[in-house]
ModelCIF file with pLDDT and N, C-alpha, C, O atoms, coordinates in Angstrom:
data_MODEL
#
_entry.id   MODEL 
#
_entity.id                         1 
_entity.type                       polymer 
_entity.pdbx_number_of_molecules   1 
#
_entity_poly.entity_id                      1 
_entity_poly.type                           'polypeptide(L)' 
_entity_poly.nstd_linkage                   no 
_entity_poly.nstd_monomer                   no 
_entity_poly.pdbx_seq_one_letter_code       VVGQVPTPEVGTDYFQEVDNDKLFADVAVWAHTLTSADQLP 
_entity_poly.pdbx_seq_one_letter_code_can   VVGQVPTPEVGTDYFQEVDNDKLFADVAVWAHTLTSADQLP 
_entity_poly.pdbx_strand_id                 A 
#
loop_
_entity_poly_seq.entity_id 
_entity_poly_seq.num 
_entity_poly_seq.mon_id 
_entity_poly_seq.hetero 
1 1  VAL n 
1 2  VAL n 
1 3  GLY n 
1 4  GLN n 
1 5  VAL n 
1 6  PRO n 
1 7  THR n 
1 8  PRO n 
1 9  GLU n 
1 10 VAL n 
1 11 GLY n 
1 12 THR n 
1 13 ASP n 
1 14 TYR n 
1 15 PHE n 
1 16 GLN n 
1 17 GLU n 
1 18 VAL n 
1 19 ASP n 
1 20 ASN n 
1 21 ASP n 
1 22 LYS n 
1 23 LEU n 
1 24 PHE n 
1 25 ALA n 
1 26 ASP n 
1 27 VAL n 
1 28 ALA n 
1 29 VAL n 
1 30 TRP n 
1 31 ALA n 
1 32 HIS n 
1 33 THR n 
1 34 LEU n 
1 35 THR n 
1 36 SER n 
1 37 ALA n 
1 38 ASP n 
1 39 GLN n 
1 40 LEU n 
1 41 PRO n 
#
_struct_asym.id          A 
_struct_asym.entity_id   1 
#
loop_
_ma_qa_metric.id 
_ma_qa_metric.mode 
_ma_qa_metric.name 
_ma_qa_metric.software_group_id 
_ma_qa_metric.type 
1 global pLDDT . pLDDT 
2 local  pLDDT . pLDDT 
#
_ma_qa_metric_global.metric_id      1 
_ma_qa_metric_global.metric_value   95.61 
_ma_qa_metric_global.model_id       1 
_ma_qa_metric_global.ordinal_id     1 
#
loop_
_ma_qa_metric_local.label_asym_id 
_ma_qa_metric_local.label_comp_id 
_ma_qa_metric_local.label_seq_id 
_ma_qa_metric_local.metric_id 
_ma_qa_metric_local.metric_value 
_ma_qa_metric_local.model_id 
_ma_qa_metric_local.ordinal_id 
A VAL 1  2 98.00 1 1  
A VAL 2  2 98.00 1 2  
A GLY 3  2 97.00 1 3  
A GLN 4  2 97.00 1 4  
A VAL 5  2 96.00 1 5  
A PRO 6  2 95.00 1 6  
A THR 7  2 94.00 1 7  
A PRO 8  2 93.00 1 8  
A GLU 9  2 93.00 1 9  
A VAL 10 2 92.00 1 10 
A GLY 11 2 92.00 1 11 
A THR 12 2 93.00 1 12 
A ASP 13 2 94.00 1 13 
A TYR 14 2 94.00 1 14 
A PHE 15 2 95.00 1 15 
A GLN 16 2 95.00 1 16 
A GLU 17 2 95.00 1 17 
A VAL 18 2 96.00 1 18 
A ASP 19 2 96.00 1 19 
A ASN 20 2 96.00 1 20 
A ASP 21 2 93.00 1 21 
A LYS 22 2 96.00 1 22 
A LEU 23 2 97.00 1 23 
A PHE 24 2 98.00 1 24 
A ALA 25 2 97.00 1 25 
A ASP 26 2 97.00 1 26 
A VAL 27 2 98.00 1 27 
A ALA 28 2 98.00 1 28 
A VAL 29 2 98.00 1 29 
A TRP 30 2 98.00 1 30 
A ALA 31 2 98.00 1 31 
A HIS 32 2 97.00 1 32 
A THR 33 2 97.00 1 33 
A LEU 34 2 96.00 1 34 
A THR 35 2 94.00 1 35 
A SER 36 2 94.00 1 36 
A ALA 37 2 95.00 1 37 
A ASP 38 2 94.00 1 38 
A GLN 39 2 96.00 1 39 
A LEU 40 2 95.00 1 40 
A PRO 41 2 95.00 1 41 
#
loop_
_atom_site.group_PDB 
_atom_site.id 
_atom_site.type_symbol 
_atom_site.label_atom_id 
_atom_site.label_alt_id 
_atom_site.label_comp_id 
_atom_site.label_asym_id 
_atom_site.label_entity_id 
_atom_site.label_seq_id 
_atom_site.pdbx_PDB_ins_code 
_atom_site.Cartn_x 
_atom_site.Cartn_y 
_atom_site.Cartn_z 
_atom_site.occupancy 
_atom_site.B_iso_or_equiv 
_atom_site.pdbx_formal_charge 
_atom_site.auth_seq_id 
_atom_site.auth_comp_id 
_atom_site.auth_asym_id 
_atom_site.auth_atom_id 
_atom_site.pdbx_PDB_model_num 
ATOM 1   N N  . VAL A 1 1  ? 0.872   -1.172 0.000   1.00 98.00 ? 1  VAL A N  1 
ATOM 2   C CA . VAL A 1 1  ? 0.000   0.000  0.000   1.00 98.00 ? 1  VAL A CA 1 
ATOM 3   C C  . VAL A 1 1  ? 0.911   1.224  0.000   1.00 98.00 ? 1  VAL A C  1 
ATOM 4   O O  . VAL A 1 1  ? 1.693   1.420  0.931   1.00 98.00 ? 1  VAL A O  1 
ATOM 5   N N  . VAL A 1 2  ? 0.812   2.039  -1.033  1.00 98.00 ? 2  VAL A N  1 
ATOM 6   C CA . VAL A 1 2  ? 1.744   3.155  -1.184  1.00 98.00 ? 2  VAL A CA 1 
ATOM 7   C C  . VAL A 1 2  ? 0.972   4.464  -1.286  1.00 98.00 ? 2  VAL A C  1 
ATOM 8   O O  . VAL A 1 2  ? -0.142  4.510  -1.809  1.00 98.00 ? 2  VAL A O  1 
ATOM 9   N N  . GLY A 1 3  ? 1.582   5.516  -0.780  1.00 97.00 ? 3  GLY A N  1 
ATOM 10  C CA . GLY A 1 3  ? 0.942   6.821  -0.778  1.00 97.00 ? 3  GLY A CA 1 
ATOM 11  C C  . GLY A 1 3  ? 1.084   7.550  -2.103  1.00 97.00 ? 3  GLY A C  1 
ATOM 12  O O  . GLY A 1 3  ? 1.937   7.226  -2.928  1.00 97.00 ? 3  GLY A O  1 
ATOM 13  N N  . GLN A 1 4  ? 0.222   8.544  -2.281  1.00 97.00 ? 4  GLN A N  1 
ATOM 14  C CA . GLN A 1 4  ? 0.260   9.409  -3.452  1.00 97.00 ? 4  GLN A CA 1 
ATOM 15  C C  . GLN A 1 4  ? -0.181  10.807 -3.022  1.00 97.00 ? 4  GLN A C  1 
ATOM 16  O O  . GLN A 1 4  ? -0.833  10.970 -1.990  1.00 97.00 ? 4  GLN A O  1 
ATOM 17  N N  . VAL A 1 5  ? 0.175   11.799 -3.808  1.00 96.00 ? 5  VAL A N  1 
ATOM 18  C CA . VAL A 1 5  ? -0.250  13.168 -3.512  1.00 96.00 ? 5  VAL A CA 1 
ATOM 19  C C  . VAL A 1 5  ? -1.767  13.246 -3.612  1.00 96.00 ? 5  VAL A C  1 
ATOM 20  O O  . VAL A 1 5  ? -2.380  12.369 -4.221  1.00 96.00 ? 5  VAL A O  1 
ATOM 21  N N  . PRO A 1 6  ? -2.391  14.266 -3.035  1.00 95.00 ? 6  PRO A N  1 
ATOM 22  C CA . PRO A 1 6  ? -3.848  14.384 -3.137  1.00 95.00 ? 6  PRO A CA 1 
ATOM 23  C C  . PRO A 1 6  ? -4.309  14.401 -4.590  1.00 95.00 ? 6  PRO A C  1 
ATOM 24  O O  . PRO A 1 6  ? -3.602  14.899 -5.466  1.00 95.00 ? 6  PRO A O  1 
ATOM 25  N N  . THR A 1 7  ? -5.479  13.864 -4.837  1.00 94.00 ? 7  THR A N  1 
ATOM 26  C CA . THR A 1 7  ? -5.957  13.690 -6.212  1.00 94.00 ? 7  THR A CA 1 
ATOM 27  C C  . THR A 1 7  ? -5.986  14.983 -7.026  1.00 94.00 ? 7  THR A C  1 
ATOM 28  O O  . THR A 1 7  ? -5.690  14.930 -8.220  1.00 94.00 ? 7  THR A O  1 
ATOM 29  N N  . PRO A 1 8  ? -6.327  16.149 -6.451  1.00 93.00 ? 8  PRO A N  1 
ATOM 30  C CA . PRO A 1 8  ? -6.310  17.362 -7.294  1.00 93.00 ? 8  PRO A CA 1 
ATOM 31  C C  . PRO A 1 8  ? -4.909  17.719 -7.799  1.00 93.00 ? 8  PRO A C  1 
ATOM 32  O O  . PRO A 1 8  ? -4.766  18.457 -8.773  1.00 93.00 ? 8  PRO A O  1 
ATOM 33  N N  . GLU A 1 9  ? -3.865  17.187 -7.125  1.00 93.00 ? 9  GLU A N  1 
ATOM 34  C CA . GLU A 1 9  ? -2.500  17.533 -7.506  1.00 93.00 ? 9  GLU A CA 1 
ATOM 35  C C  . GLU A 1 9  ? -1.847  16.497 -8.413  1.00 93.00 ? 9  GLU A C  1 
ATOM 36  O O  . GLU A 1 9  ? -0.743  16.718 -8.912  1.00 93.00 ? 9  GLU A O  1 
ATOM 37  N N  . VAL A 1 10 ? -2.515  15.378 -8.628  1.00 92.00 ? 10 VAL A N  1 
ATOM 38  C CA . VAL A 1 10 ? -1.923  14.326 -9.452  1.00 92.00 ? 10 VAL A CA 1 
ATOM 39  C C  . VAL A 1 10 ? -1.706  14.848 -10.872 1.00 92.00 ? 10 VAL A C  1 
ATOM 40  O O  . VAL A 1 10 ? -2.612  15.425 -11.474 1.00 92.00 ? 10 VAL A O  1 
ATOM 41  N N  . GLY A 1 11 ? -0.524  14.646 -11.390 1.00 92.00 ? 11 GLY A N  1 
ATOM 42  C CA . GLY A 1 11 ? -0.201  15.082 -12.740 1.00 92.00 ? 11 GLY A CA 1 
ATOM 43  C C  . GLY A 1 11 ? 0.346   16.490 -12.830 1.00 92.00 ? 11 GLY A C  1 
ATOM 44  O O  . GLY A 1 11 ? 0.584   16.989 -13.930 1.00 92.00 ? 11 GLY A O  1 
ATOM 45  N N  . THR A 1 12 ? 0.554   17.157 -11.670 1.00 93.00 ? 12 THR A N  1 
ATOM 46  C CA . THR A 1 12 ? 1.037   18.545 -11.688 1.00 93.00 ? 12 THR A CA 1 
ATOM 47  C C  . THR A 1 12 ? 2.511   18.663 -11.302 1.00 93.00 ? 12 THR A C  1 
ATOM 48  O O  . THR A 1 12 ? 3.005   19.772 -11.096 1.00 93.00 ? 12 THR A O  1 
ATOM 49  N N  . ASP A 1 13 ? 3.213   17.543 -11.202 1.00 94.00 ? 13 ASP A N  1 
ATOM 50  C CA . ASP A 1 13 ? 4.591   17.528 -10.731 1.00 94.00 ? 13 ASP A CA 1 
ATOM 51  C C  . ASP A 1 13 ? 4.677   18.131 -9.341  1.00 94.00 ? 13 ASP A C  1 
ATOM 52  O O  . ASP A 1 13 ? 5.582   18.909 -9.039  1.00 94.00 ? 13 ASP A O  1 
ATOM 53  N N  . TYR A 1 14 ? 3.724   17.758 -8.501  1.00 94.00 ? 14 TYR A N  1 
ATOM 54  C CA . TYR A 1 14 ? 3.630   18.228 -7.120  1.00 94.00 ? 14 TYR A CA 1 
ATOM 55  C C  . TYR A 1 14 ? 4.814   17.704 -6.305  1.00 94.00 ? 14 TYR A C  1 
ATOM 56  O O  . TYR A 1 14 ? 5.472   16.744 -6.705  1.00 94.00 ? 14 TYR A O  1 
ATOM 57  N N  . PHE A 1 15 ? 5.076   18.330 -5.175  1.00 95.00 ? 15 PHE A N  1 
ATOM 58  C CA . PHE A 1 15 ? 6.149   17.910 -4.279  1.00 95.00 ? 15 PHE A CA 1 
ATOM 59  C C  . PHE A 1 15 ? 6.059   16.416 -3.982  1.00 95.00 ? 15 PHE A C  1 
ATOM 60  O O  . PHE A 1 15 ? 5.028   15.934 -3.514  1.00 95.00 ? 15 PHE A O  1 
ATOM 61  N N  . GLN A 1 16 ? 7.134   15.687 -4.253  1.00 95.00 ? 16 GLN A N  1 
ATOM 62  C CA . GLN A 1 16 ? 7.294   14.239 -4.021  1.00 95.00 ? 16 GLN A CA 1 
ATOM 63  C C  . GLN A 1 16 ? 6.455   13.374 -4.962  1.00 95.00 ? 16 GLN A C  1 
ATOM 64  O O  . GLN A 1 16 ? 6.453   12.152 -4.812  1.00 95.00 ? 16 GLN A O  1 
ATOM 65  N N  . GLU A 1 17 ? 5.758   13.951 -5.907  1.00 95.00 ? 17 GLU A N  1 
ATOM 66  C CA . GLU A 1 17 ? 4.902   13.130 -6.770  1.00 95.00 ? 17 GLU A CA 1 
ATOM 67  C C  . GLU A 1 17 ? 5.733   12.258 -7.708  1.00 95.00 ? 17 GLU A C  1 
ATOM 68  O O  . GLU A 1 17 ? 6.660   12.738 -8.361  1.00 95.00 ? 17 GLU A O  1 
ATOM 69  N N  . VAL A 1 18 ? 5.393   10.986 -7.763  1.00 96.00 ? 18 VAL A N  1 
ATOM 70  C CA . VAL A 1 18 ? 5.884   10.068 -8.790  1.00 96.00 ? 18 VAL A CA 1 
ATOM 71  C C  . VAL A 1 18 ? 4.682   9.315  -9.342  1.00 96.00 ? 18 VAL A C  1 
ATOM 72  O O  . VAL A 1 18 ? 3.658   9.193  -8.669  1.00 96.00 ? 18 VAL A O  1 
ATOM 73  N N  . ASP A 1 19 ? 4.801   8.818  -10.546 1.00 96.00 ? 19 ASP A N  1 
ATOM 74  C CA . ASP A 1 19 ? 3.716   8.058  -11.175 1.00 96.00 ? 19 ASP A CA 1 
ATOM 75  C C  . ASP A 1 19 ? 3.830   6.608  -10.710 1.00 96.00 ? 19 ASP A C  1 
ATOM 76  O O  . ASP A 1 19 ? 4.581   5.818  -11.283 1.00 96.00 ? 19 ASP A O  1 
ATOM 77  N N  . ASN A 1 20 ? 3.082   6.273  -9.674  1.00 96.00 ? 20 ASN A N  1 
ATOM 78  C CA . ASN A 1 20 ? 3.193   4.927  -9.094  1.00 96.00 ? 20 ASN A CA 1 
ATOM 79  C C  . ASN A 1 20 ? 2.803   3.832  -10.070 1.00 96.00 ? 20 ASN A C  1 
ATOM 80  O O  . ASN A 1 20 ? 3.407   2.759  -10.069 1.00 96.00 ? 20 ASN A O  1 
ATOM 81  N N  . ASP A 1 21 ? 1.815   4.083  -10.892 1.00 93.00 ? 21 ASP A N  1 
ATOM 82  C CA . ASP A 1 21 ? 1.384   3.038  -11.829 1.00 93.00 ? 21 ASP A CA 1 
ATOM 83  C C  . ASP A 1 21 ? 2.517   2.688  -12.799 1.00 93.00 ? 21 ASP A C  1 
ATOM 84  O O  . ASP A 1 21 ? 2.693   1.524  -13.157 1.00 93.00 ? 21 ASP A O  1 
ATOM 85  N N  . LYS A 1 22 ? 3.285   3.700  -13.222 1.00 96.00 ? 22 LYS A N  1 
ATOM 86  C CA . LYS A 1 22 ? 4.447   3.426  -14.067 1.00 96.00 ? 22 LYS A CA 1 
ATOM 87  C C  . LYS A 1 22 ? 5.595   2.833  -13.247 1.00 96.00 ? 22 LYS A C  1 
ATOM 88  O O  . LYS A 1 22 ? 6.266   1.899  -13.685 1.00 96.00 ? 22 LYS A O  1 
ATOM 89  N N  . LEU A 1 23 ? 5.809   3.387  -12.058 1.00 97.00 ? 23 LEU A N  1 
ATOM 90  C CA . LEU A 1 23 ? 6.915   2.962  -11.213 1.00 97.00 ? 23 LEU A CA 1 
ATOM 91  C C  . LEU A 1 23 ? 6.849   1.465  -10.912 1.00 97.00 ? 23 LEU A C  1 
ATOM 92  O O  . LEU A 1 23 ? 7.867   0.773  -10.945 1.00 97.00 ? 23 LEU A O  1 
ATOM 93  N N  . PHE A 1 24 ? 5.657   0.976  -10.621 1.00 98.00 ? 24 PHE A N  1 
ATOM 94  C CA . PHE A 1 24 ? 5.503   -0.410 -10.196 1.00 98.00 ? 24 PHE A CA 1 
ATOM 95  C C  . PHE A 1 24 ? 5.038   -1.329 -11.325 1.00 98.00 ? 24 PHE A C  1 
ATOM 96  O O  . PHE A 1 24 ? 4.714   -2.491 -11.077 1.00 98.00 ? 24 PHE A O  1 
ATOM 97  N N  . ALA A 1 25 ? 4.999   -0.829 -12.551 1.00 97.00 ? 25 ALA A N  1 
ATOM 98  C CA . ALA A 1 25 ? 4.449   -1.619 -13.657 1.00 97.00 ? 25 ALA A CA 1 
ATOM 99  C C  . ALA A 1 25 ? 5.203   -2.926 -13.876 1.00 97.00 ? 25 ALA A C  1 
ATOM 100 O O  . ALA A 1 25 ? 4.592   -3.945 -14.198 1.00 97.00 ? 25 ALA A O  1 
ATOM 101 N N  . ASP A 1 26 ? 6.525   -2.908 -13.706 1.00 97.00 ? 26 ASP A N  1 
ATOM 102 C CA . ASP A 1 26 ? 7.301   -4.123 -13.963 1.00 97.00 ? 26 ASP A CA 1 
ATOM 103 C C  . ASP A 1 26 ? 7.266   -5.095 -12.795 1.00 97.00 ? 26 ASP A C  1 
ATOM 104 O O  . ASP A 1 26 ? 7.277   -6.308 -13.002 1.00 97.00 ? 26 ASP A O  1 
ATOM 105 N N  . VAL A 1 27 ? 7.224   -4.578 -11.558 1.00 98.00 ? 27 VAL A N  1 
ATOM 106 C CA . VAL A 1 27 ? 7.332   -5.453 -10.397 1.00 98.00 ? 27 VAL A CA 1 
ATOM 107 C C  . VAL A 1 27 ? 5.988   -6.061 -9.993  1.00 98.00 ? 27 VAL A C  1 
ATOM 108 O O  . VAL A 1 27 ? 5.963   -7.103 -9.338  1.00 98.00 ? 27 VAL A O  1 
ATOM 109 N N  . ALA A 1 28 ? 4.885   -5.440 -10.365 1.00 98.00 ? 28 ALA A N  1 
ATOM 110 C CA . ALA A 1 28 ? 3.579   -5.831 -9.842  1.00 98.00 ? 28 ALA A CA 1 
ATOM 111 C C  . ALA A 1 28 ? 2.789   -6.688 -10.830 1.00 98.00 ? 28 ALA A C  1 
ATOM 112 O O  . ALA A 1 28 ? 2.832   -6.468 -12.041 1.00 98.00 ? 28 ALA A O  1 
ATOM 113 N N  . VAL A 1 29 ? 2.072   -7.663 -10.292 1.00 98.00 ? 29 VAL A N  1 
ATOM 114 C CA . VAL A 1 29 ? 1.107   -8.410 -11.107 1.00 98.00 ? 29 VAL A CA 1 
ATOM 115 C C  . VAL A 1 29 ? -0.215  -7.664 -11.173 1.00 98.00 ? 29 VAL A C  1 
ATOM 116 O O  . VAL A 1 29 ? -1.059  -7.967 -12.016 1.00 98.00 ? 29 VAL A O  1 
ATOM 117 N N  . TRP A 1 30 ? -0.399  -6.693 -10.292 1.00 98.00 ? 30 TRP A N  1 
ATOM 118 C CA . TRP A 1 30 ? -1.617  -5.878 -10.264 1.00 98.00 ? 30 TRP A CA 1 
ATOM 119 C C  . TRP A 1 30 ? -1.258  -4.558 -9.616  1.00 98.00 ? 30 TRP A C  1 
ATOM 120 O O  . TRP A 1 30 ? -0.611  -4.541 -8.569  1.00 98.00 ? 30 TRP A O  1 
ATOM 121 N N  . ALA A 1 31 ? -1.663  -3.455 -10.216 1.00 98.00 ? 31 ALA A N  1 
ATOM 122 C CA . ALA A 1 31 ? -1.415  -2.127 -9.664  1.00 98.00 ? 31 ALA A CA 1 
ATOM 123 C C  . ALA A 1 31 ? -2.605  -1.240 -9.968  1.00 98.00 ? 31 ALA A C  1 
ATOM 124 O O  . ALA A 1 31 ? -3.128  -1.252 -11.083 1.00 98.00 ? 31 ALA A O  1 
ATOM 125 N N  . HIS A 1 32 ? -3.032  -0.472 -8.981  1.00 97.00 ? 32 HIS A N  1 
ATOM 126 C CA . HIS A 1 32 ? -4.216  0.371  -9.161  1.00 97.00 ? 32 HIS A CA 1 
ATOM 127 C C  . HIS A 1 32 ? -4.125  1.565  -8.216  1.00 97.00 ? 32 HIS A C  1 
ATOM 128 O O  . HIS A 1 32 ? -3.717  1.427  -7.063  1.00 97.00 ? 32 HIS A O  1 
ATOM 129 N N  . THR A 1 33 ? -4.512  2.741  -8.718  1.00 97.00 ? 33 THR A N  1 
ATOM 130 C CA . THR A 1 33 ? -4.609  3.935  -7.888  1.00 97.00 ? 33 THR A CA 1 
ATOM 131 C C  . THR A 1 33 ? -6.062  4.149  -7.498  1.00 97.00 ? 33 THR A C  1 
ATOM 132 O O  . THR A 1 33 ? -6.934  4.294  -8.354  1.00 97.00 ? 33 THR A O  1 
ATOM 133 N N  . LEU A 1 34 ? -6.309  4.165  -6.204  1.00 96.00 ? 34 LEU A N  1 
ATOM 134 C CA . LEU A 1 34 ? -7.667  4.321  -5.684  1.00 96.00 ? 34 LEU A CA 1 
ATOM 135 C C  . LEU A 1 34 ? -8.076  5.790  -5.804  1.00 96.00 ? 34 LEU A C  1 
ATOM 136 O O  . LEU A 1 34 ? -7.442  6.664  -5.212  1.00 96.00 ? 34 LEU A O  1 
ATOM 137 N N  . THR A 1 35 ? -9.120  6.057  -6.560  1.00 94.00 ? 35 THR A N  1 
ATOM 138 C CA . THR A 1 35 ? -9.566  7.434  -6.769  1.00 94.00 ? 35 THR A CA 1 
ATOM 139 C C  . THR A 1 35 ? -10.937 7.718  -6.190  1.00 94.00 ? 35 THR A C  1 
ATOM 140 O O  . THR A 1 35 ? -11.381 8.866  -6.169  1.00 94.00 ? 35 THR A O  1 
ATOM 141 N N  . SER A 1 36 ? -11.614 6.675  -5.719  1.00 94.00 ? 36 SER A N  1 
ATOM 142 C CA . SER A 1 36 ? -12.966 6.846  -5.190  1.00 94.00 ? 36 SER A CA 1 
ATOM 143 C C  . SER A 1 36 ? -13.210 5.820  -4.097  1.00 94.00 ? 36 SER A C  1 
ATOM 144 O O  . SER A 1 36 ? -12.743 4.685  -4.200  1.00 94.00 ? 36 SER A O  1 
ATOM 145 N N  . ALA A 1 37 ? -13.925 6.197  -3.063  1.00 95.00 ? 37 ALA A N  1 
ATOM 146 C CA . ALA A 1 37 ? -14.270 5.255  -1.999  1.00 95.00 ? 37 ALA A CA 1 
ATOM 147 C C  . ALA A 1 37 ? -15.137 4.119  -2.526  1.00 95.00 ? 37 ALA A C  1 
ATOM 148 O O  . ALA A 1 37 ? -15.127 3.018  -1.977  1.00 95.00 ? 37 ALA A O  1 
ATOM 149 N N  . ASP A 1 38 ? -15.884 4.388  -3.587  1.00 94.00 ? 38 ASP A N  1 
ATOM 150 C CA . ASP A 1 38 ? -16.770 3.359  -4.130  1.00 94.00 ? 38 ASP A CA 1 
ATOM 151 C C  . ASP A 1 38 ? -16.004 2.170  -4.723  1.00 94.00 ? 38 ASP A C  1 
ATOM 152 O O  . ASP A 1 38 ? -16.591 1.118  -4.977  1.00 94.00 ? 38 ASP A O  1 
ATOM 153 N N  . GLN A 1 39 ? -14.704 2.337  -4.942  1.00 96.00 ? 39 GLN A N  1 
ATOM 154 C CA . GLN A 1 39 ? -13.927 1.236  -5.516  1.00 96.00 ? 39 GLN A CA 1 
ATOM 155 C C  . GLN A 1 39 ? -13.590 0.154  -4.488  1.00 96.00 ? 39 GLN A C  1 
ATOM 156 O O  . GLN A 1 39 ? -13.094 -0.915 -4.844  1.00 96.00 ? 39 GLN A O  1 
ATOM 157 N N  . LEU A 1 40 ? -13.860 0.435  -3.231  1.00 95.00 ? 40 LEU A N  1 
ATOM 158 C CA . LEU A 1 40 ? -13.663 -0.570 -2.187  1.00 95.00 ? 40 LEU A CA 1 
ATOM 159 C C  . LEU A 1 40 ? -14.992 -1.229 -1.839  1.00 95.00 ? 40 LEU A C  1 
ATOM 160 O O  . LEU A 1 40 ? -16.039 -0.588 -1.926  1.00 95.00 ? 40 LEU A O  1 
ATOM 161 N N  . PRO A 1 41 ? -14.965 -2.510 -1.443  1.00 95.00 ? 41 PRO A N  1 
ATOM 162 C CA . PRO A 1 41 ? -13.781 -3.359 -1.211  1.00 95.00 ? 41 PRO A CA 1 
ATOM 163 C C  . PRO A 1 41 ? -13.274 -4.087 -2.469  1.00 95.00 ? 41 PRO A C  1 
ATOM 164 O O  . PRO A 1 41 ? -12.291 -4.826 -2.400  1.00 95.00 ? 41 PRO A O  1 
#
């Protein structure tokens, strides 16, 4: 479970922002950024 900048700042080169979906694309069998509470569980 990895952190990300707040959703309004995603894609703005915000402080400490990295593209986790790209970063973990090779190591992960599944990767997803949670953008809505409705996506759980």
